[in-house]
Amino acid sequence: MRPLAGPGVAAWLCVLVAACNEINVGYVELKAFPGLTAPLYVNKVKVDSMKNGVTVLREQVGRTTLYLERNGNLYPLCDFDVMKNRIITVTVSAFDRAPRCELQK
């Protein structure tokens, strides 16, 4: 009888399951100026929860677009790349009348 075979097999199984669950995701930190009242969308999905003008989103790796909604239409503000296990900071500001994006990797 081999009593240590069970825990050893269980440990390897946990390692294999963890490796299979690794998904290609990155993070988007979205900062908006306090006066922004128009809803923001990332890849056409509405950003709902922004506390004090800041939120962090988990997104698939690849090209991503930030949209601004006006009168029921979505207008692209900027495009950026989300990289695996990295955070990109997108700051939405409006120094003049049109909002714009600033990217920080």
PDB file of N, CA and C in Angstrom:
ATOM      1  N   MET A   1       0.843  -1.174   0.000  1.00  0.00           N
ATOM      2  CA  MET A   1       0.000   0.000   0.000  1.00  0.00           C
ATOM      3  C   MET A   1       0.891   1.241   0.000  1.00  0.00           C
ATOM      4  N   ARG A   2       0.538   2.249  -0.781  1.00  0.00           N
ATOM      5  CA  ARG A   2       1.317   3.481  -0.887  1.00  0.00           C
ATOM      6  C   ARG A   2       0.467   4.646  -0.414  1.00  0.00           C
ATOM      7  N   PRO A   3       0.552   5.043   0.833  1.00  0.00           N
ATOM      8  CA  PRO A   3      -0.306   6.103   1.348  1.00  0.00           C
ATOM      9  C   PRO A   3       0.043   7.488   0.817  1.00  0.00           C
ATOM     10  N   LEU A   4       1.278   7.735   0.359  1.00  0.00           N
ATOM     11  CA  LEU A   4       1.661   9.069  -0.110  1.00  0.00           C
ATOM     12  C   LEU A   4       1.311   9.314  -1.570  1.00  0.00           C
ATOM     13  N   ALA A   5       0.871   8.292  -2.286  1.00  0.00           N
ATOM     14  CA  ALA A   5       0.534   8.471  -3.696  1.00  0.00           C
ATOM     15  C   ALA A   5      -0.698   9.357  -3.863  1.00  0.00           C
ATOM     16  N   GLY A   6      -1.665   9.251  -2.972  1.00  0.00           N
ATOM     17  CA  GLY A   6      -2.899  10.052  -3.062  1.00  0.00           C
ATOM     18  C   GLY A   6      -2.645  11.549  -2.980  1.00  0.00           C
ATOM     19  N   PRO A   7      -1.928  12.055  -1.959  1.00  0.00           N
ATOM     20  CA  PRO A   7      -1.663  13.492  -1.881  1.00  0.00           C
ATOM     21  C   PRO A   7      -0.787  13.996  -3.027  1.00  0.00           C
ATOM     22  N   GLY A   8       0.154  13.173  -3.490  1.00  0.00           N
ATOM     23  CA  GLY A   8       1.019  13.580  -4.603  1.00  0.00           C
ATOM     24  C   GLY A   8       0.227  13.752  -5.889  1.00  0.00           C
ATOM     25  N   VAL A   9      -0.670  12.818  -6.140  1.00  0.00           N
ATOM     26  CA  VAL A   9      -1.521  12.896  -7.332  1.00  0.00           C
ATOM     27  C   VAL A   9      -2.460  14.095  -7.218  1.00  0.00           C
ATOM     28  N   ALA A  10      -2.995  14.329  -6.044  1.00  0.00           N
ATOM     29  CA  ALA A  10      -3.895  15.464  -5.846  1.00  0.00           C
ATOM     30  C   ALA A  10      -3.179  16.797  -6.079  1.00  0.00           C
ATOM     31  N   ALA A  11      -1.929  16.892  -5.649  1.00  0.00           N
ATOM     32  CA  ALA A  11      -1.160  18.121  -5.856  1.00  0.00           C
ATOM     33  C   ALA A  11      -0.922  18.369  -7.338  1.00  0.00           C
ATOM     34  N   TRP A  12      -0.548  17.311  -8.079  1.00  0.00           N
ATOM     35  CA  TRP A  12      -0.340  17.472  -9.526  1.00  0.00           C
ATOM     36  C   TRP A  12      -1.636  17.831 -10.233  1.00  0.00           C
ATOM     37  N   LEU A  13      -2.716  17.270  -9.789  1.00  0.00           N
ATOM     38  CA  LEU A  13      -4.015  17.586 -10.390  1.00  0.00           C
ATOM     39  C   LEU A  13      -4.365  19.059 -10.183  1.00  0.00           C
ATOM     40  N   CYS A  14      -4.084  19.581  -8.999  1.00  0.00           N
ATOM     41  CA  CYS A  14      -4.336  21.006  -8.726  1.00  0.00           C
ATOM     42  C   CYS A  14      -3.488  21.903  -9.620  1.00  0.00           C
ATOM     43  N   VAL A  15      -2.235  21.518  -9.835  1.00  0.00           N
ATOM     44  CA  VAL A  15      -1.345  22.301 -10.700  1.00  0.00           C
ATOM     45  C   VAL A  15      -1.857  22.286 -12.132  1.00  0.00           C
ATOM     46  N   LEU A  16      -2.285  21.143 -12.613  1.00  0.00           N
ATOM     47  CA  LEU A  16      -2.796  21.041 -13.986  1.00  0.00           C
ATOM     48  C   LEU A  16      -4.084  21.832 -14.181  1.00  0.00           C
ATOM     49  N   VAL A  17      -4.969  21.776 -13.211  1.00  0.00           N
ATOM     50  CA  VAL A  17      -6.228  22.524 -13.306  1.00  0.00           C
ATOM     51  C   VAL A  17      -5.949  24.021 -13.295  1.00  0.00           C
ATOM     52  N   ALA A  18      -5.032  24.475 -12.463  1.00  0.00           N
ATOM     53  CA  ALA A  18      -4.683  25.899 -12.410  1.00  0.00           C
ATOM     54  C   ALA A  18      -4.086  26.352 -13.736  1.00  0.00           C
ATOM     55  N   ALA A  19      -3.266  25.518 -14.361  1.00  0.00           N
ATOM     56  CA  ALA A  19      -2.653  25.881 -15.644  1.00  0.00           C
ATOM     57  C   ALA A  19      -3.697  25.946 -16.752  1.00  0.00           C
ATOM     58  N   CYS A  20      -4.696  25.082 -16.708  1.00  0.00           N
ATOM     59  CA  CYS A  20      -5.743  25.078 -17.729  1.00  0.00           C
ATOM     60  C   CYS A  20      -6.673  26.278 -17.584  1.00  0.00           C
ATOM     61  N   ASN A  21      -6.837  26.799 -16.387  1.00  0.00           N
ATOM     62  CA  ASN A  21      -7.748  27.915 -16.162  1.00  0.00           C
ATOM     63  C   ASN A  21      -7.129  29.270 -16.485  1.00  0.00           C
ATOM     64  N   GLU A  22      -5.847  29.305 -16.863  1.00  0.00           N
ATOM     65  CA  GLU A  22      -5.205  30.577 -17.165  1.00  0.00           C
ATOM     66  C   GLU A  22      -5.815  31.152 -18.448  1.00  0.00           C
ATOM     67  N   ILE A  23      -6.372  32.325 -18.333  1.00  0.00           N
ATOM     68  CA  ILE A  23      -7.043  32.984 -19.445  1.00  0.00           C
ATOM     69  C   ILE A  23      -6.230  34.217 -19.811  1.00  0.00           C
ATOM     70  N   ASN A  24      -6.217  34.556 -21.068  1.00  0.00           N
ATOM     71  CA  ASN A  24      -5.499  35.735 -21.527  1.00  0.00           C
ATOM     72  C   ASN A  24      -6.302  36.987 -21.204  1.00  0.00           C
ATOM     73  N   VAL A  25      -6.042  37.574 -20.050  1.00  0.00           N
ATOM     74  CA  VAL A  25      -6.734  38.792 -19.647  1.00  0.00           C
ATOM     75  C   VAL A  25      -5.723  39.833 -19.192  1.00  0.00           C
ATOM     76  N   GLY A  26      -6.145  41.077 -19.296  1.00  0.00           N
ATOM     77  CA  GLY A  26      -5.388  42.207 -18.791  1.00  0.00           C
ATOM     78  C   GLY A  26      -6.359  43.123 -18.074  1.00  0.00           C
ATOM     79  N   TYR A  27      -5.880  44.259 -17.612  1.00  0.00           N
ATOM     80  CA  TYR A  27      -6.708  45.151 -16.811  1.00  0.00           C
ATOM     81  C   TYR A  27      -6.676  46.563 -17.372  1.00  0.00           C
ATOM     82  N   VAL A  28      -7.832  47.210 -17.318  1.00  0.00           N
ATOM     83  CA  VAL A  28      -7.988  48.589 -17.773  1.00  0.00           C
ATOM     84  C   VAL A  28      -8.419  49.416 -16.569  1.00  0.00           C
ATOM     85  N   GLU A  29      -7.580  50.378 -16.187  1.00  0.00           N
ATOM     86  CA  GLU A  29      -7.961  51.329 -15.144  1.00  0.00           C
ATOM     87  C   GLU A  29      -8.514  52.546 -15.867  1.00  0.00           C
ATOM     88  N   LEU A  30      -9.775  52.834 -15.614  1.00  0.00           N
ATOM     89  CA  LEU A  30     -10.468  53.914 -16.307  1.00  0.00           C
ATOM     90  C   LEU A  30     -10.685  55.062 -15.337  1.00  0.00           C
ATOM     91  N   LYS A  31     -10.145  56.238 -15.688  1.00  0.00           N
ATOM     92  CA  LYS A  31     -10.311  57.437 -14.864  1.00  0.00           C
ATOM     93  C   LYS A  31     -11.052  58.478 -15.692  1.00  0.00           C
ATOM     94  N   ALA A  32     -12.098  59.055 -15.107  1.00  0.00           N
ATOM     95  CA  ALA A  32     -12.876  60.069 -15.809  1.00  0.00           C
ATOM     96  C   ALA A  32     -12.954  61.317 -14.948  1.00  0.00           C
ATOM     97  N   PHE A  33     -12.981  62.476 -15.595  1.00  0.00           N
ATOM     98  CA  PHE A  33     -13.087  63.721 -14.852  1.00  0.00           C
ATOM     99  C   PHE A  33     -14.452  63.788 -14.169  1.00  0.00           C
ATOM    100  N   PRO A  34     -14.555  64.476 -13.059  1.00  0.00           N
ATOM    101  CA  PRO A  34     -15.783  64.452 -12.252  1.00  0.00           C
ATOM    102  C   PRO A  34     -17.031  64.951 -12.982  1.00  0.00           C
ATOM    103  N   GLY A  35     -16.900  65.830 -13.929  1.00  0.00           N
ATOM    104  CA  GLY A  35     -18.074  66.383 -14.602  1.00  0.00           C
ATOM    105  C   GLY A  35     -18.618  65.539 -15.739  1.00  0.00           C
ATOM    106  N   LEU A  36     -18.034  64.378 -15.998  1.00  0.00           N
ATOM    107  CA  LEU A  36     -18.488  63.537 -17.102  1.00  0.00           C
ATOM    108  C   LEU A  36     -19.827  62.902 -16.753  1.00  0.00           C
ATOM    109  N   THR A  37     -20.846  63.238 -17.508  1.00  0.00           N
ATOM    110  CA  THR A  37     -22.177  62.675 -17.245  1.00  0.00           C
ATOM    111  C   THR A  37     -22.580  61.646 -18.293  1.00  0.00           C
ATOM    112  N   ALA A  38     -21.926  61.648 -19.439  1.00  0.00           N
ATOM    113  CA  ALA A  38     -22.259  60.688 -20.494  1.00  0.00           C
ATOM    114  C   ALA A  38     -21.687  59.316 -20.139  1.00  0.00           C
ATOM    115  N   PRO A  39     -22.442  58.254 -20.393  1.00  0.00           N
ATOM    116  CA  PRO A  39     -21.955  56.902 -20.087  1.00  0.00           C
ATOM    117  C   PRO A  39     -20.771  56.512 -20.973  1.00  0.00           C
ATOM    118  N   LEU A  40     -19.855  55.721 -20.400  1.00  0.00           N
ATOM    119  CA  LEU A  40     -18.710  55.185 -21.126  1.00  0.00           C
ATOM    120  C   LEU A  40     -18.926  53.703 -21.386  1.00  0.00           C
ATOM    121  N   TYR A  41     -18.394  53.240 -22.509  1.00  0.00           N
ATOM    122  CA  TYR A  41     -18.494  51.839 -22.891  1.00  0.00           C
ATOM    123  C   TYR A  41     -17.105  51.346 -23.268  1.00  0.00           C
ATOM    124  N   VAL A  42     -16.774  50.127 -22.857  1.00  0.00           N
ATOM    125  CA  VAL A  42     -15.552  49.462 -23.282  1.00  0.00           C
ATOM    126  C   VAL A  42     -15.974  48.266 -24.115  1.00  0.00           C
ATOM    127  N   ASN A  43     -15.560  48.256 -25.383  1.00  0.00           N
ATOM    128  CA  ASN A  43     -15.980  47.211 -26.329  1.00  0.00           C
ATOM    129  C   ASN A  43     -17.504  47.069 -26.360  1.00  0.00           C
ATOM    130  N   LYS A  44     -18.190  48.176 -26.355  1.00  0.00           N
ATOM    131  CA  LYS A  44     -19.654  48.269 -26.445  1.00  0.00           C
ATOM    132  C   LYS A  44     -20.378  47.651 -25.253  1.00  0.00           C
ATOM    133  N   VAL A  45     -19.670  47.505 -24.123  1.00  0.00           N
ATOM    134  CA  VAL A  45     -20.277  47.066 -22.868  1.00  0.00           C
ATOM    135  C   VAL A  45     -20.213  48.245 -21.903  1.00  0.00           C
ATOM    136  N   LYS A  46     -21.372  48.619 -21.357  1.00  0.00           N
ATOM    137  CA  LYS A  46     -21.457  49.806 -20.513  1.00  0.00           C
ATOM    138  C   LYS A  46     -20.659  49.643 -19.220  1.00  0.00           C
ATOM    139  N   VAL A  47     -19.924  50.696 -18.858  1.00  0.00           N
ATOM    140  CA  VAL A  47     -19.181  50.738 -17.601  1.00  0.00           C
ATOM    141  C   VAL A  47     -20.136  51.305 -16.555  1.00  0.00           C
ATOM    142  N   ASP A  48     -20.545  50.473 -15.610  1.00  0.00           N
ATOM    143  CA  ASP A  48     -21.565  50.878 -14.642  1.00  0.00           C
ATOM    144  C   ASP A  48     -20.998  51.466 -13.360  1.00  0.00           C
ATOM    145  N   SER A  49     -20.030  50.807 -12.786  1.00  0.00           N
ATOM    146  CA  SER A  49     -19.604  51.197 -11.436  1.00  0.00           C
ATOM    147  C   SER A  49     -18.315  52.012 -11.472  1.00  0.00           C
ATOM    148  N   MET A  50     -18.448  53.324 -11.331  1.00  0.00           N
ATOM    149  CA  MET A  50     -17.279  54.197 -11.221  1.00  0.00           C
ATOM    150  C   MET A  50     -17.386  54.935  -9.903  1.00  0.00           C
ATOM    151  N   LYS A  51     -16.482  54.630  -8.991  1.00  0.00           N
ATOM    152  CA  LYS A  51     -16.463  55.292  -7.688  1.00  0.00           C
ATOM    153  C   LYS A  51     -15.420  56.385  -7.721  1.00  0.00           C
ATOM    154  N   ASN A  52     -15.842  57.600  -7.454  1.00  0.00           N
ATOM    155  CA  ASN A  52     -14.962  58.776  -7.488  1.00  0.00           C
ATOM    156  C   ASN A  52     -14.257  58.925  -8.836  1.00  0.00           C
ATOM    157  N   GLY A  53     -14.933  58.518  -9.904  1.00  0.00           N
ATOM    158  CA  GLY A  53     -14.383  58.676 -11.243  1.00  0.00           C
ATOM    159  C   GLY A  53     -13.347  57.648 -11.645  1.00  0.00           C
ATOM    160  N   VAL A  54     -13.202  56.550 -10.877  1.00  0.00           N
ATOM    161  CA  VAL A  54     -12.185  55.538 -11.185  1.00  0.00           C
ATOM    162  C   VAL A  54     -12.812  54.146 -11.104  1.00  0.00           C
ATOM    163  N   THR A  55     -12.433  53.280 -12.043  1.00  0.00           N
ATOM    164  CA  THR A  55     -12.824  51.876 -11.992  1.00  0.00           C
ATOM    165  C   THR A  55     -11.744  51.044 -12.673  1.00  0.00           C
ATOM    166  N   VAL A  56     -11.662  49.767 -12.308  1.00  0.00           N
ATOM    167  CA  VAL A  56     -10.722  48.836 -12.929  1.00  0.00           C
ATOM    168  C   VAL A  56     -11.540  47.703 -13.537  1.00  0.00           C
ATOM    169  N   LEU A  57     -11.269  47.437 -14.813  1.00  0.00           N
ATOM    170  CA  LEU A  57     -12.009  46.413 -15.550  1.00  0.00           C
ATOM    171  C   LEU A  57     -11.060  45.299 -15.973  1.00  0.00           C
ATOM    172  N   ARG A  58     -11.570  44.093 -16.007  1.00  0.00           N
ATOM    173  CA  ARG A  58     -10.814  42.940 -16.495  1.00  0.00           C
ATOM    174  C   ARG A  58     -11.280  42.676 -17.918  1.00  0.00           C
ATOM    175  N   GLU A  59     -10.354  42.738 -18.880  1.00  0.00           N
ATOM    176  CA  GLU A  59     -10.699  42.619 -20.293  1.00  0.00           C
ATOM    177  C   GLU A  59      -9.838  41.557 -20.975  1.00  0.00           C
ATOM    178  N   GLN A  60     -10.344  41.026 -22.076  1.00  0.00           N
ATOM    179  CA  GLN A  60      -9.576  40.091 -22.884  1.00  0.00           C
ATOM    180  C   GLN A  60      -8.383  40.800 -23.513  1.00  0.00           C
ATOM    181  N   VAL A  61      -7.309  40.071 -23.710  1.00  0.00           N
ATOM    182  CA  VAL A  61      -6.115  40.614 -24.353  1.00  0.00           C
ATOM    183  C   VAL A  61      -6.441  40.941 -25.803  1.00  0.00           C
ATOM    184  N   GLY A  62      -5.949  42.083 -26.266  1.00  0.00           N
ATOM    185  CA  GLY A  62      -6.154  42.470 -27.659  1.00  0.00           C
ATOM    186  C   GLY A  62      -6.551  43.928 -27.786  1.00  0.00           C
ATOM    187  N   ARG A  63      -6.968  44.294 -28.974  1.00  0.00           N
ATOM    188  CA  ARG A  63      -7.360  45.670 -29.269  1.00  0.00           C
ATOM    189  C   ARG A  63      -8.703  45.972 -28.616  1.00  0.00           C
ATOM    190  N   THR A  64      -8.782  47.103 -27.942  1.00  0.00           N
ATOM    191  CA  THR A  64      -9.986  47.503 -27.205  1.00  0.00           C
ATOM    192  C   THR A  64     -10.328  48.941 -27.568  1.00  0.00           C
ATOM    193  N   THR A  65     -11.612  49.243 -27.582  1.00  0.00           N
ATOM    194  CA  THR A  65     -12.067  50.592 -27.905  1.00  0.00           C
ATOM    195  C   THR A  65     -12.912  51.131 -26.766  1.00  0.00           C
ATOM    196  N   LEU A  66     -12.677  52.395 -26.427  1.00  0.00           N
ATOM    197  CA  LEU A  66     -13.479  53.098 -25.429  1.00  0.00           C
ATOM    198  C   LEU A  66     -14.453  53.994 -26.175  1.00  0.00           C
ATOM    199  N   TYR A  67     -15.727  53.888 -25.832  1.00  0.00           N
ATOM    200  CA  TYR A  67     -16.784  54.654 -26.491  1.00  0.00           C
ATOM    201  C   TYR A  67     -17.446  55.601 -25.500  1.00  0.00           C
ATOM    202  N   LEU A  68     -18.014  56.667 -26.036  1.00  0.00           N
ATOM    203  CA  LEU A  68     -18.806  57.629 -25.281  1.00  0.00           C
ATOM    204  C   LEU A  68     -20.198  57.635 -25.891  1.00  0.00           C
ATOM    205  N   GLU A  69     -21.227  57.590 -25.040  1.00  0.00           N
ATOM    206  CA  GLU A  69     -22.599  57.592 -25.545  1.00  0.00           C
ATOM    207  C   GLU A  69     -23.162  59.007 -25.536  1.00  0.00           C
ATOM    208  N   ARG A  70     -23.696  59.409 -26.665  1.00  0.00           N
ATOM    209  CA  ARG A  70     -24.383  60.698 -26.793  1.00  0.00           C
ATOM    210  C   ARG A  70     -25.645  60.490 -27.606  1.00  0.00           C
ATOM    211  N   ASN A  71     -26.781  60.874 -27.060  1.00  0.00           N
ATOM    212  CA  ASN A  71     -28.073  60.774 -27.752  1.00  0.00           C
ATOM    213  C   ASN A  71     -28.352  59.370 -28.286  1.00  0.00           C
ATOM    214  N   GLY A  72     -27.974  58.365 -27.532  1.00  0.00           N
ATOM    215  CA  GLY A  72     -28.243  56.985 -27.917  1.00  0.00           C
ATOM    216  C   GLY A  72     -27.238  56.398 -28.897  1.00  0.00           C
ATOM    217  N   ASN A  73     -26.258  57.154 -29.336  1.00  0.00           N
ATOM    218  CA  ASN A  73     -25.236  56.666 -30.270  1.00  0.00           C
ATOM    219  C   ASN A  73     -23.900  56.525 -29.546  1.00  0.00           C
ATOM    220  N   LEU A  74     -23.112  55.548 -29.979  1.00  0.00           N
ATOM    221  CA  LEU A  74     -21.776  55.342 -29.411  1.00  0.00           C
ATOM    222  C   LEU A  74     -20.730  55.954 -30.332  1.00  0.00           C
ATOM    223  N   TYR A  75     -19.855  56.782 -29.747  1.00  0.00           N
ATOM    224  CA  TYR A  75     -18.782  57.430 -30.484  1.00  0.00           C
ATOM    225  C   TYR A  75     -17.444  56.965 -29.917  1.00  0.00           C
ATOM    226  N   PRO A  76     -16.551  56.448 -30.777  1.00  0.00           N
ATOM    227  CA  PRO A  76     -15.254  55.977 -30.266  1.00  0.00           C
ATOM    228  C   PRO A  76     -14.393  57.136 -29.788  1.00  0.00           C
ATOM    229  N   LEU A  77     -13.852  56.998 -28.583  1.00  0.00           N
ATOM    230  CA  LEU A  77     -12.918  57.997 -28.039  1.00  0.00           C
ATOM    231  C   LEU A  77     -11.480  57.619 -28.330  1.00  0.00           C
ATOM    232  N   CYS A  78     -11.120  56.356 -28.079  1.00  0.00           N
ATOM    233  CA  CYS A  78      -9.746  55.924 -28.335  1.00  0.00           C
ATOM    234  C   CYS A  78      -9.679  54.409 -28.430  1.00  0.00           C
ATOM    235  N   ASP A  79      -8.632  53.948 -29.089  1.00  0.00           N
ATOM    236  CA  ASP A  79      -8.310  52.529 -29.192  1.00  0.00           C
ATOM    237  C   ASP A  79      -7.007  52.286 -28.444  1.00  0.00           C
ATOM    238  N   PHE A  80      -6.914  51.124 -27.804  1.00  0.00           N
ATOM    239  CA  PHE A  80      -5.688  50.779 -27.080  1.00  0.00           C
ATOM    240  C   PHE A  80      -5.572  49.270 -26.997  1.00  0.00           C
ATOM    241  N   ASP A  81      -4.367  48.811 -26.699  1.00  0.00           N
ATOM    242  CA  ASP A  81      -4.105  47.378 -26.584  1.00  0.00           C
ATOM    243  C   ASP A  81      -4.097  46.964 -25.121  1.00  0.00           C
ATOM    244  N   VAL A  82      -4.839  45.911 -24.817  1.00  0.00           N
ATOM    245  CA  VAL A  82      -4.807  45.305 -23.490  1.00  0.00           C
ATOM    246  C   VAL A  82      -3.822  44.150 -23.576  1.00  0.00           C
ATOM    247  N   MET A  83      -2.838  44.158 -22.673  1.00  0.00           N
ATOM    248  CA  MET A  83      -1.807  43.122 -22.679  1.00  0.00           C
ATOM    249  C   MET A  83      -2.003  42.183 -21.490  1.00  0.00           C
ATOM    250  N   LYS A  84      -1.578  40.959 -21.670  1.00  0.00           N
ATOM    251  CA  LYS A  84      -1.762  39.914 -20.657  1.00  0.00           C
ATOM    252  C   LYS A  84      -1.077  40.294 -19.351  1.00  0.00           C
ATOM    253  N   ASN A  85      -1.846  40.215 -18.254  1.00  0.00           N
ATOM    254  CA  ASN A  85      -1.362  40.466 -16.892  1.00  0.00           C
ATOM    255  C   ASN A  85      -0.755  41.855 -16.718  1.00  0.00           C
ATOM    256  N   ARG A  86      -1.238  42.834 -17.459  1.00  0.00           N
ATOM    257  CA  ARG A  86      -0.756  44.211 -17.366  1.00  0.00           C
ATOM    258  C   ARG A  86      -1.939  45.141 -17.128  1.00  0.00           C
ATOM    259  N   ILE A  87      -1.637  46.319 -16.593  1.00  0.00           N
ATOM    260  CA  ILE A  87      -2.652  47.342 -16.376  1.00  0.00           C
ATOM    261  C   ILE A  87      -2.360  48.506 -17.306  1.00  0.00           C
ATOM    262  N   ILE A  88      -3.378  48.946 -18.028  1.00  0.00           N
ATOM    263  CA  ILE A  88      -3.261  50.162 -18.826  1.00  0.00           C
ATOM    264  C   ILE A  88      -4.229  51.176 -18.223  1.00  0.00           C
ATOM    265  N   THR A  89      -3.761  52.392 -18.043  1.00  0.00           N
ATOM    266  CA  THR A  89      -4.585  53.446 -17.461  1.00  0.00           C
ATOM    267  C   THR A  89      -5.084  54.355 -18.578  1.00  0.00           C
ATOM    268  N   VAL A  90      -6.394  54.513 -18.647  1.00  0.00           N
ATOM    269  CA  VAL A  90      -7.032  55.375 -19.634  1.00  0.00           C
ATOM    270  C   VAL A  90      -7.691  56.519 -18.876  1.00  0.00           C
ATOM    271  N   THR A  91      -7.244  57.738 -19.134  1.00  0.00           N
ATOM    272  CA  THR A  91      -7.805  58.922 -18.482  1.00  0.00           C
ATOM    273  C   THR A  91      -8.633  59.690 -19.501  1.00  0.00           C
ATOM    274  N   VAL A  92      -9.899  59.911 -19.173  1.00  0.00           N
ATOM    275  CA  VAL A  92     -10.795  60.675 -20.046  1.00  0.00           C
ATOM    276  C   VAL A  92     -10.889  62.078 -19.471  1.00  0.00           C
ATOM    277  N   SER A  93     -10.532  63.065 -20.300  1.00  0.00           N
ATOM    278  CA  SER A  93     -10.569  64.452 -19.843  1.00  0.00           C
ATOM    279  C   SER A  93     -11.269  65.309 -20.888  1.00  0.00           C
ATOM    280  N   ALA A  94     -11.633  66.504 -20.462  1.00  0.00           N
ATOM    281  CA  ALA A  94     -12.307  67.437 -21.375  1.00  0.00           C
ATOM    282  C   ALA A  94     -11.820  68.844 -21.067  1.00  0.00           C
ATOM    283  N   PHE A  95     -10.620  69.162 -21.555  1.00  0.00           N
ATOM    284  CA  PHE A  95     -10.106  70.512 -21.342  1.00  0.00           C
ATOM    285  C   PHE A  95     -10.840  71.508 -22.232  1.00  0.00           C
ATOM    286  N   ASP A  96     -11.137  71.092 -23.434  1.00  0.00           N
ATOM    287  CA  ASP A  96     -12.021  71.898 -24.268  1.00  0.00           C
ATOM    288  C   ASP A  96     -13.346  71.148 -24.337  1.00  0.00           C
ATOM    289  N   ARG A  97     -14.176  71.410 -25.265  1.00  0.00           N
ATOM    290  CA  ARG A  97     -15.520  70.825 -25.264  1.00  0.00           C
ATOM    291  C   ARG A  97     -15.555  69.334 -25.616  1.00  0.00           C
ATOM    292  N   ALA A  98     -14.625  68.863 -26.412  1.00  0.00           N
ATOM    293  CA  ALA A  98     -14.650  67.457 -26.826  1.00  0.00           C
ATOM    294  C   ALA A  98     -13.816  66.609 -25.857  1.00  0.00           C
ATOM    295  N   PRO A  99     -14.394  65.518 -25.324  1.00  0.00           N
ATOM    296  CA  PRO A  99     -13.620  64.634 -24.449  1.00  0.00           C
ATOM    297  C   PRO A  99     -12.501  63.959 -25.224  1.00  0.00           C
ATOM    298  N   ARG A 100     -11.419  63.631 -24.537  1.00  0.00           N
ATOM    299  CA  ARG A 100     -10.304  62.932 -25.174  1.00  0.00           C
ATOM    300  C   ARG A 100      -9.694  61.958 -24.180  1.00  0.00           C
ATOM    301  N   CYS A 101      -8.893  61.037 -24.724  1.00  0.00           N
ATOM    302  CA  CYS A 101      -8.255  59.983 -23.931  1.00  0.00           C
ATOM    303  C   CYS A 101      -6.762  60.245 -23.818  1.00  0.00           C
ATOM    304  N   GLU A 102      -6.224  59.846 -22.672  1.00  0.00           N
ATOM    305  CA  GLU A 102      -4.780  59.823 -22.472  1.00  0.00           C
ATOM    306  C   GLU A 102      -4.436  58.435 -21.956  1.00  0.00           C
ATOM    307  N   LEU A 103      -3.491  57.768 -22.609  1.00  0.00           N
ATOM    308  CA  LEU A 103      -3.139  56.391 -22.257  1.00  0.00           C
ATOM    309  C   LEU A 103      -1.812  56.365 -21.515  1.00  0.00           C
ATOM    310  N   GLN A 104      -1.752  55.517 -20.495  1.00  0.00           N
ATOM    311  CA  GLN A 104      -0.539  55.301 -19.721  1.00  0.00           C
ATOM    312  C   GLN A 104      -0.353  53.819 -19.531  1.00  0.00           C
ATOM    313  N   LYS A 105       0.789  53.301 -19.968  1.00  0.00           N
ATOM    314  CA  LYS A 105       1.029  51.861 -19.831  1.00  0.00           C
ATOM    315  C   LYS A 105       1.832  51.569 -18.597  1.00  0.00           C
TER     316      LYS A 105
END
